[in-house]
Amino acid sequence: MLDLVNPLYGLRDQDLVSKEFLGNLQGVAPFDAAAIFQIDQHTYEIAQGVCAGSDAGLIDEYLKNHASADLCSLSLRCPTRLNEADLLSRLLTRDPQAAPATQNTRSRFGFEHALTVVAGWRGQPIALLRLHRRAGASNFSDEEISLINGIAPHIAMSSVFNKPTDAQSIGVQRGLLALTSDNRLIYANDSVQELLAELPAATIRALAESGSVWRNDDERVFRLRILALSRRSLLSWIELEASAQSHALEHCNAGAVTVIAVEPIQRRQALATRLARSRLSRREVEVALCVMRGLSNADIAGELGIDEKTVKDHLRRVYGKIDVRSRTAMISKVLGLEAELIPVASAVPKSTCQ
């Protein structure tokens, strides 16, 4: 197992790590096609990835176009089930009615057996590993599944640490909840319990639709936004589950499902990365971060060892590069807000009932 895990941490280029890892994995868990796809931390969609094996093109096409409808992906209930692989054969045993449609897909994309795992770190889904075997090959054994489950956390951790990003911000669990069209709650993870206790579902929806923020009792600020369930989304099981509940409950009309993400406003290092992407120099980033801490020009000059005129010059360039005219506007834009914090009362939809 060490021969598989060590190369994951050995290189800084994730594509090279993935290619070497898949090559090594072929020796202990043979496959006709394999893929490692990153999971977008903001949309929960499969993103860029690396494929290997004789059927690499087929598995790439399959995942990019059918991930949200794949039985294995749906069974993993991303992000609630991490580092625990599932087999297609097991799912078909539990749901034999899905076999005919699944067989057509398997024939089209050249596989008989499939194994999928969502690799996670600190409660967050980081990558998806998928293996295919053609008809005539044996199914994945219990030993191979156990090996994949043991490796999955390392896939996730190495993916985080091999990127020039803020590992701590990735490790913060995002809140997720789902509402039906009549604002019935059908899913919520642990990170949104405080929000649900404080605000009614209709208000939460209104805040998300307007792209507003929520401040909790500890003065932490969270952004609420709606997630689209595209063909690559690994959250599609929520919509499927809502539909099943709707059919099971008499007089229930679930309608369209709205999935809402509740995310903490980013930390210092993530903010610095955002500023740097706006073509700010290192010193301009330092000045901007000082402004966001509420420091005056005199305070900034003292902390950075420069004079106030230089501070003003840096600020003028910062404002120009990110297209703002004031400190308040700069803070709002860097945090991803279009305006000041919107009071909850103003976001509550007015009742049409008299």
Protein backbone atom coordinates (compact mmCIF):
# COMPACT_ATOMS: atom_id res chain seq x y z
CA MET A 1 0.00 0.00 0.00
CA LEU A 2 2.91 2.35 0.70
CA ASP A 3 3.99 2.05 -2.93
CA LEU A 4 0.61 3.52 -3.86
CA VAL A 5 0.39 6.19 -1.18
CA ASN A 6 3.91 7.68 -1.21
CA PRO A 7 3.87 8.94 -4.83
CA LEU A 8 0.66 10.84 -4.07
CA TYR A 9 2.62 13.22 -1.85
CA GLY A 10 5.83 13.26 -3.85
CA LEU A 11 5.02 15.70 -6.66
CA ARG A 12 3.51 19.18 -6.75
CA ASP A 13 1.73 18.71 -10.08
CA GLN A 14 -1.52 16.87 -9.33
CA ASP A 15 -1.89 15.53 -12.89
CA LEU A 16 1.52 13.87 -12.68
CA VAL A 17 0.66 12.44 -9.25
CA SER A 18 -2.61 11.04 -10.58
CA LYS A 19 -1.01 9.44 -13.64
CA GLU A 20 1.68 7.76 -11.55
CA PHE A 21 -0.88 6.64 -8.98
CA LEU A 22 -3.18 5.08 -11.59
CA GLY A 23 -0.23 3.29 -13.12
CA ASN A 24 0.69 1.82 -9.74
CA LEU A 25 -2.94 0.97 -8.97
CA GLN A 26 -3.15 -1.07 -12.16
CA GLY A 27 -0.69 -3.51 -10.61
CA VAL A 28 -2.77 -4.27 -7.50
CA ALA A 29 -6.35 -3.67 -8.69
CA PRO A 30 -6.32 -4.25 -12.47
CA PHE A 31 -8.76 -2.24 -14.58
CA ASP A 32 -9.68 -1.59 -18.19
CA ALA A 33 -10.36 2.07 -17.40
CA ALA A 34 -9.74 4.31 -14.41
CA ALA A 35 -10.26 7.98 -13.67
CA ILE A 36 -9.54 10.46 -10.89
CA PHE A 37 -11.64 13.61 -11.17
CA GLN A 38 -11.38 16.59 -8.88
CA ILE A 39 -14.65 17.72 -7.26
CA ASP A 40 -15.35 21.43 -7.55
CA GLN A 41 -15.57 22.80 -4.02
CA HIS A 42 -18.24 25.35 -4.94
CA THR A 43 -20.55 23.38 -7.23
CA TYR A 44 -19.94 19.73 -6.17
CA GLU A 45 -19.47 18.86 -9.84
CA ILE A 46 -16.71 16.64 -11.19
CA ALA A 47 -14.07 18.91 -12.71
CA GLN A 48 -10.73 18.27 -14.39
CA GLY A 49 -9.29 14.79 -14.13
CA VAL A 50 -6.90 12.12 -15.36
CA CYS A 51 -7.92 8.85 -17.05
CA ALA A 52 -5.92 5.70 -17.73
CA GLY A 53 -6.31 2.23 -19.21
CA SER A 54 -7.29 0.84 -22.60
CA ASP A 55 -10.77 2.38 -22.26
CA ALA A 56 -9.63 5.75 -20.90
CA GLY A 57 -11.61 7.70 -23.49
CA LEU A 58 -14.81 5.80 -22.70
CA ILE A 59 -14.62 6.37 -18.95
CA ASP A 60 -13.86 10.05 -19.50
CA GLU A 61 -16.93 10.49 -21.70
CA TYR A 62 -19.10 8.48 -19.31
CA LEU A 63 -18.23 10.50 -16.21
CA LYS A 64 -18.49 13.87 -17.92
CA ASN A 65 -21.95 13.12 -19.28
CA HIS A 66 -23.50 10.65 -16.85
CA ALA A 67 -22.02 11.25 -13.40
CA SER A 68 -25.23 12.68 -11.97
CA ALA A 69 -27.27 9.64 -13.10
CA ASP A 70 -24.71 6.95 -12.27
CA LEU A 71 -25.99 4.42 -9.73
CA CYS A 72 -22.67 4.32 -7.86
CA SER A 73 -22.40 8.11 -7.65
CA LEU A 74 -25.98 8.39 -6.42
CA SER A 75 -25.44 5.70 -3.80
CA LEU A 76 -22.47 7.57 -2.31
CA ARG A 77 -24.72 10.51 -1.37
CA CYS A 78 -21.91 13.05 -1.75
CA PRO A 79 -20.78 14.57 0.57
CA THR A 80 -22.35 12.43 3.29
CA ARG A 81 -20.44 9.25 2.49
CA LEU A 82 -16.70 9.65 1.98
CA ASN A 83 -13.84 7.16 1.54
CA GLU A 84 -16.24 4.23 1.24
CA ALA A 85 -16.42 2.56 -2.16
CA ASP A 86 -19.52 1.04 -3.71
CA LEU A 87 -19.87 -1.59 -6.41
CA LEU A 88 -22.31 -1.47 -9.30
CA SER A 89 -23.10 -5.18 -8.84
CA ARG A 90 -24.18 -4.62 -5.22
CA LEU A 91 -26.51 -1.82 -6.25
CA LEU A 92 -28.11 -3.91 -8.98
CA THR A 93 -28.70 -6.71 -6.47
CA ARG A 94 -30.56 -4.27 -4.25
CA ASP A 95 -32.45 -2.70 -7.17
CA PRO A 96 -32.87 -5.26 -9.97
CA GLN A 97 -35.34 -2.98 -11.80
CA ALA A 98 -32.42 -0.72 -12.73
CA ALA A 99 -30.60 -3.54 -14.52
CA PRO A 100 -32.06 -3.14 -18.07
CA ALA A 101 -31.26 0.57 -18.40
CA THR A 102 -27.87 0.09 -16.74
CA GLN A 103 -26.98 -2.75 -19.13
CA ASN A 104 -27.52 -0.48 -22.14
CA THR A 105 -25.14 2.07 -20.62
CA ARG A 106 -22.53 -0.56 -19.79
CA SER A 107 -22.61 -1.89 -23.34
CA ARG A 108 -22.24 1.59 -24.80
CA PHE A 109 -19.25 2.51 -22.62
CA GLY A 110 -17.58 -0.88 -22.58
CA PHE A 111 -17.72 -2.00 -18.95
CA GLU A 112 -19.38 -4.74 -16.94
CA HIS A 113 -18.04 -4.02 -13.44
CA ALA A 114 -17.64 -0.62 -11.82
CA LEU A 115 -16.32 0.68 -8.52
CA THR A 116 -16.64 4.28 -7.31
CA VAL A 117 -15.42 6.13 -4.24
CA VAL A 118 -15.57 9.81 -3.24
CA ALA A 119 -12.27 10.68 -1.56
CA GLY A 120 -12.73 13.18 1.24
CA TRP A 121 -10.78 15.19 3.79
CA ARG A 122 -12.17 16.96 6.88
CA GLY A 123 -15.71 16.22 5.82
CA GLN A 124 -15.28 17.69 2.34
CA PRO A 125 -15.43 15.72 -0.95
CA ILE A 126 -12.17 16.30 -2.82
CA ALA A 127 -11.96 13.76 -5.66
CA LEU A 128 -13.83 10.91 -7.30
CA LEU A 129 -12.06 7.64 -8.20
CA ARG A 130 -13.77 5.36 -10.71
CA LEU A 131 -12.63 1.94 -12.00
CA HIS A 132 -14.14 -0.11 -14.84
CA ARG A 133 -13.66 -3.72 -15.93
CA ARG A 134 -14.97 -5.22 -19.15
CA ALA A 135 -17.20 -8.28 -19.47
CA GLY A 136 -15.25 -11.50 -18.93
CA ALA A 137 -13.11 -10.02 -16.16
CA SER A 138 -13.81 -10.85 -12.53
CA ASN A 139 -15.62 -8.36 -10.32
CA PHE A 140 -13.67 -6.28 -7.79
CA SER A 141 -12.90 -8.39 -4.73
CA ASP A 142 -13.43 -7.51 -1.08
CA GLU A 143 -9.66 -7.17 -0.69
CA GLU A 144 -9.48 -4.69 -3.57
CA ILE A 145 -12.39 -2.69 -2.16
CA SER A 146 -10.68 -2.58 1.25
CA LEU A 147 -7.48 -1.36 -0.42
CA ILE A 148 -9.34 1.41 -2.27
CA ASN A 149 -11.07 2.51 0.94
CA GLY A 150 -7.71 2.74 2.69
CA ILE A 151 -6.15 4.77 -0.11
CA ALA A 152 -9.08 7.17 -0.63
CA PRO A 153 -8.23 9.53 2.30
CA HIS A 154 -4.68 9.86 0.94
CA ILE A 155 -6.01 10.75 -2.51
CA ALA A 156 -7.96 13.57 -0.88
CA MET A 157 -5.21 14.83 1.42
CA SER A 158 -2.52 14.80 -1.26
CA SER A 159 -4.84 16.62 -3.65
CA VAL A 160 -5.31 19.40 -1.09
CA PHE A 161 -1.66 19.69 -0.11
CA ASN A 162 -0.38 19.54 -3.69
CA LYS A 163 -2.35 22.67 -4.60
CA PRO A 164 -1.26 26.27 -3.95
CA THR A 165 -4.37 26.95 -1.91
CA ASP A 166 -5.51 27.44 1.65
CA ALA A 167 -5.88 23.92 3.06
CA GLN A 168 -7.63 25.25 6.15
CA SER A 169 -10.37 26.95 4.12
CA ILE A 170 -10.98 23.71 2.21
CA GLY A 171 -11.22 21.86 5.51
CA VAL A 172 -14.09 24.02 6.75
CA GLN A 173 -17.27 22.05 6.18
CA ARG A 174 -19.76 23.94 4.07
CA GLY A 175 -23.37 23.96 5.06
CA LEU A 176 -25.81 22.31 2.67
CA LEU A 177 -29.58 22.20 2.76
CA ALA A 178 -32.32 21.41 0.25
CA LEU A 179 -35.84 22.80 0.02
CA THR A 180 -38.80 21.78 -2.10
CA SER A 181 -40.79 24.39 -4.00
CA ASP A 182 -43.12 24.74 -1.01
CA ASN A 183 -40.11 25.26 1.32
CA ARG A 184 -40.23 21.81 2.89
CA LEU A 185 -36.78 20.84 4.21
CA ILE A 186 -35.64 17.53 2.75
CA TYR A 187 -31.93 17.60 3.53
CA ALA A 188 -29.60 19.47 5.87
CA ASN A 189 -26.12 18.68 7.15
CA ASP A 190 -24.80 19.46 10.62
CA SER A 191 -23.28 22.79 9.59
CA VAL A 192 -26.66 24.47 8.97
CA GLN A 193 -28.47 23.52 12.17
CA GLU A 194 -27.87 26.93 13.77
CA LEU A 195 -29.19 28.69 10.67
CA LEU A 196 -32.30 26.50 10.60
CA ALA A 197 -32.95 27.19 14.28
CA GLU A 198 -32.81 30.95 13.73
CA LEU A 199 -34.49 31.51 10.35
CA PRO A 200 -37.55 30.02 8.64
CA ALA A 201 -37.07 28.19 5.37
CA ALA A 202 -38.71 30.96 3.32
CA THR A 203 -36.22 33.52 4.63
CA ILE A 204 -33.27 31.21 3.96
CA ARG A 205 -34.46 30.79 0.37
CA ALA A 206 -34.84 34.55 -0.05
CA LEU A 207 -31.33 35.19 1.27
CA ALA A 208 -29.89 32.58 -1.12
CA GLU A 209 -31.81 33.90 -4.12
CA SER A 210 -30.50 37.41 -3.49
CA GLY A 211 -26.94 36.20 -2.86
CA SER A 212 -27.04 37.72 0.61
CA VAL A 213 -25.20 36.85 3.79
CA TRP A 214 -26.12 35.79 7.32
CA ARG A 215 -24.35 36.72 10.55
CA ASN A 216 -24.63 34.25 13.43
CA ASP A 217 -24.53 34.95 17.17
CA ASP A 218 -20.72 34.66 17.18
CA GLU A 219 -20.50 37.45 14.58
CA ARG A 220 -19.28 35.05 11.91
CA VAL A 221 -20.54 35.88 8.42
CA PHE A 222 -21.80 33.28 5.96
CA ARG A 223 -22.73 33.62 2.31
CA LEU A 224 -25.85 31.81 1.06
CA ARG A 225 -26.14 30.79 -2.58
CA ILE A 226 -28.10 28.39 -4.73
CA LEU A 227 -26.34 25.41 -6.31
CA ALA A 228 -27.38 24.23 -9.77
CA LEU A 229 -27.84 20.49 -10.19
CA SER A 230 -26.11 19.96 -13.54
CA ARG A 231 -25.30 16.68 -15.28
CA ARG A 232 -21.96 16.65 -13.49
CA SER A 233 -23.32 17.42 -10.03
CA LEU A 234 -22.72 14.78 -7.36
CA LEU A 235 -25.65 16.22 -5.36
CA SER A 236 -28.23 14.87 -7.82
CA TRP A 237 -29.23 12.17 -5.33
CA ILE A 238 -30.97 14.91 -3.30
CA GLU A 239 -33.35 15.65 -6.17
CA LEU A 240 -33.92 11.94 -6.77
CA GLU A 241 -34.68 11.36 -3.09
CA ALA A 242 -37.10 14.30 -3.01
CA SER A 243 -38.97 12.86 -5.97
CA ALA A 244 -39.25 9.48 -4.25
CA GLN A 245 -40.55 11.12 -1.08
CA SER A 246 -43.09 13.08 -3.10
CA HIS A 247 -44.52 9.88 -4.57
CA ALA A 248 -44.54 8.19 -1.17
CA LEU A 249 -46.36 11.00 0.65
CA GLU A 250 -50.02 11.55 -0.17
CA HIS A 251 -50.92 15.08 -1.33
CA CYS A 252 -47.23 16.05 -1.45
CA ASN A 253 -46.00 18.17 -4.33
CA ALA A 254 -42.24 18.52 -3.96
CA GLY A 255 -41.76 20.30 -7.28
CA ALA A 256 -38.30 21.59 -8.12
CA VAL A 257 -35.61 21.12 -5.48
CA THR A 258 -33.42 24.05 -4.45
CA VAL A 259 -30.04 23.16 -2.97
CA ILE A 260 -28.48 25.95 -0.92
CA ALA A 261 -24.85 26.25 0.14
CA VAL A 262 -23.96 28.12 3.33
CA GLU A 263 -20.29 29.09 3.29
CA PRO A 264 -18.15 31.01 5.80
CA ILE A 265 -16.58 34.17 4.44
CA GLN A 266 -13.05 33.24 3.43
CA ARG A 267 -10.04 33.55 5.70
CA ARG A 268 -7.00 35.76 5.35
CA GLN A 269 -4.94 33.51 3.09
CA ALA A 270 -7.88 32.86 0.75
CA LEU A 271 -8.52 36.61 0.60
CA ALA A 272 -4.87 37.22 -0.22
CA THR A 273 -5.17 34.74 -3.10
CA ARG A 274 -8.24 36.55 -4.43
CA LEU A 275 -6.44 39.90 -4.24
CA ALA A 276 -3.38 38.53 -6.01
CA ARG A 277 -5.61 37.31 -8.85
CA SER A 278 -6.65 40.94 -9.34
CA ARG A 279 -3.01 41.65 -10.37
CA LEU A 280 -2.10 43.28 -7.06
CA SER A 281 1.57 43.29 -6.09
CA ARG A 282 2.70 41.65 -2.86
CA ARG A 283 2.85 45.01 -1.07
CA GLU A 284 -0.56 46.03 -2.41
CA VAL A 285 -2.02 42.78 -1.08
CA GLU A 286 -0.51 43.52 2.35
CA VAL A 287 -2.01 47.02 2.35
CA ALA A 288 -5.43 45.71 1.26
CA LEU A 289 -5.45 43.07 4.01
CA CYS A 290 -4.60 45.75 6.58
CA VAL A 291 -7.57 47.80 5.36
CA MET A 292 -9.80 44.77 5.79
CA ARG A 293 -8.66 44.52 9.40
CA GLY A 294 -9.90 48.07 9.95
CA LEU A 295 -6.48 49.75 10.24
CA SER A 296 -6.05 53.45 9.46
CA ASN A 297 -3.43 54.75 7.02
CA ALA A 298 -1.20 55.65 9.99
CA ASP A 299 -1.61 52.16 11.47
CA ILE A 300 -0.79 50.54 8.12
CA ALA A 301 2.32 52.72 7.72
CA GLY A 302 3.54 51.72 11.17
CA GLU A 303 2.88 48.02 10.66
CA LEU A 304 4.51 47.80 7.22
CA GLY A 305 7.35 50.24 7.94
CA ILE A 306 6.43 52.73 5.22
CA ASP A 307 5.15 56.33 5.26
CA GLU A 308 1.51 57.37 4.94
CA LYS A 309 2.00 58.85 1.47
CA THR A 310 3.22 55.48 0.24
CA VAL A 311 0.18 53.83 1.84
CA LYS A 312 -2.10 56.25 -0.04
CA ASP A 313 -0.26 55.53 -3.31
CA HIS A 314 -0.71 51.78 -2.79
CA LEU A 315 -4.40 52.23 -2.00
CA ARG A 316 -4.93 54.31 -5.12
CA ARG A 317 -3.46 51.50 -7.24
CA VAL A 318 -5.49 48.86 -5.35
CA TYR A 319 -8.72 50.77 -5.98
CA GLY A 320 -7.88 51.10 -9.66
CA LYS A 321 -7.07 47.42 -10.15
CA ILE A 322 -10.24 46.12 -8.53
CA ASP A 323 -12.39 49.01 -9.81
CA VAL A 324 -13.68 50.57 -6.57
CA ARG A 325 -13.56 54.05 -5.04
CA SER A 326 -13.64 53.48 -1.30
CA ARG A 327 -12.52 51.17 1.49
CA THR A 328 -16.06 49.94 2.08
CA ALA A 329 -16.52 49.12 -1.60
CA MET A 330 -13.17 47.31 -1.67
CA ILE A 331 -14.03 45.16 1.35
CA SER A 332 -17.44 44.35 -0.07
CA LYS A 333 -16.03 43.34 -3.46
CA VAL A 334 -13.19 41.24 -2.08
CA LEU A 335 -15.60 39.33 0.16
CA GLY A 336 -17.78 38.66 -2.88
CA LEU A 337 -20.60 40.90 -1.71
CA GLU A 338 -22.30 43.33 -4.05
CA ALA A 339 -23.52 45.55 -1.21
CA GLU A 340 -23.46 45.93 2.56
CA LEU A 341 -24.84 43.14 4.71
CA ILE A 342 -28.55 42.84 4.01
CA PRO A 343 -30.68 42.79 7.18
CA VAL A 344 -32.66 39.57 7.55
CA ALA A 345 -35.93 41.49 7.82
CA SER A 346 -35.49 43.01 4.36
CA ALA A 347 -35.00 39.57 2.84
CA VAL A 348 -38.15 38.02 4.29
CA PRO A 349 -40.70 37.61 1.52
CA LYS A 350 -43.94 39.44 2.11
CA SER A 351 -46.94 37.22 2.67
CA THR A 352 -49.70 37.29 0.09
CA CYS A 353 -52.21 36.04 2.66
CA GLN A 354 -54.54 38.52 4.35
